[in-house]
């Protein structure tokens, strides 16, 4: 396996794990070590483009163009660059947006039946969607994210069910150690590590009984609003009943923060393992996966 192949494989694993900053670091390191290569420029460009940010889009375009200067027929570069151009604002970036047609035509000529061309066709359909399609897609994305949150909450609740925080943490650590390539197991272990610290008992309770707690919050909110209107304290709608939801909103926000930090640490450990080093720290420790160039 060549040096470039090694870096390509590392980039792929980090990308699948959601470590975009790690992909950029790895691709840049590969370019420094192995020299200019179209595949590594492709990874660098995609990792920038996936951030969906104007500054990152500019860096992505630079990487796409450098890669295509090395290999004008690289399918991944053509498809990725065309997709970037499709989503660019034609008013702010007219030159970039105009390049989508030529890149699409070139990919159609080279590989009409390729996976890259199929992906680009889907991007064209998305770019040409109507108002109602946009609404439906937004609703579908919201539903998917809600199911993901519920699944993560169920995992934490199941891990804590009938166990103390120390026991749950130890079992999760053992499971993660037995399956080092299982990112979900690593994230769960780091999440439970953070939830076993001092002052986190209320978070563990909220994680165990999230559905019931939200149901009680809604019921108390409705009852409070009804009583306030019935007794004449307020007339019409008042926000006071919604105060019952504040504790669960705070708990959900804190649990989301803990989970994101656990995901960041899992990616940092993967990056360190791929590069042959070790990362110390915990899910509550300082950030080790910052992207200084982001």
Foldseek 3Di string as FASTA:
>chain_A
DDLVVLLLVLLVLLVVLVQLLLLLVSLVVSCVVVNDELSSLLSNLVSLVVVVDPVSLVVSLVSLVSSCVVPVLPLSSLLSQLLSLLPDDCVVCVPSVVCNVVSLVSNCVRCVPDPSNVVSVVSVCVSPDDPVVVVVVVVVVVVVVVVVLVVLLVVLLVLPPPDDLVVSLVVLVVVCVVPVSDLVSQLSNLLSVVCNDPPNPVLSVCSNCVVVLVVVLVVQLVVVQVVCCVVVVDPDDDCVSNVSCVVSVVSSVVSVLLSVLSSQVSSVQSSQVSVPHGDDDGSPDDHDSDNVVD
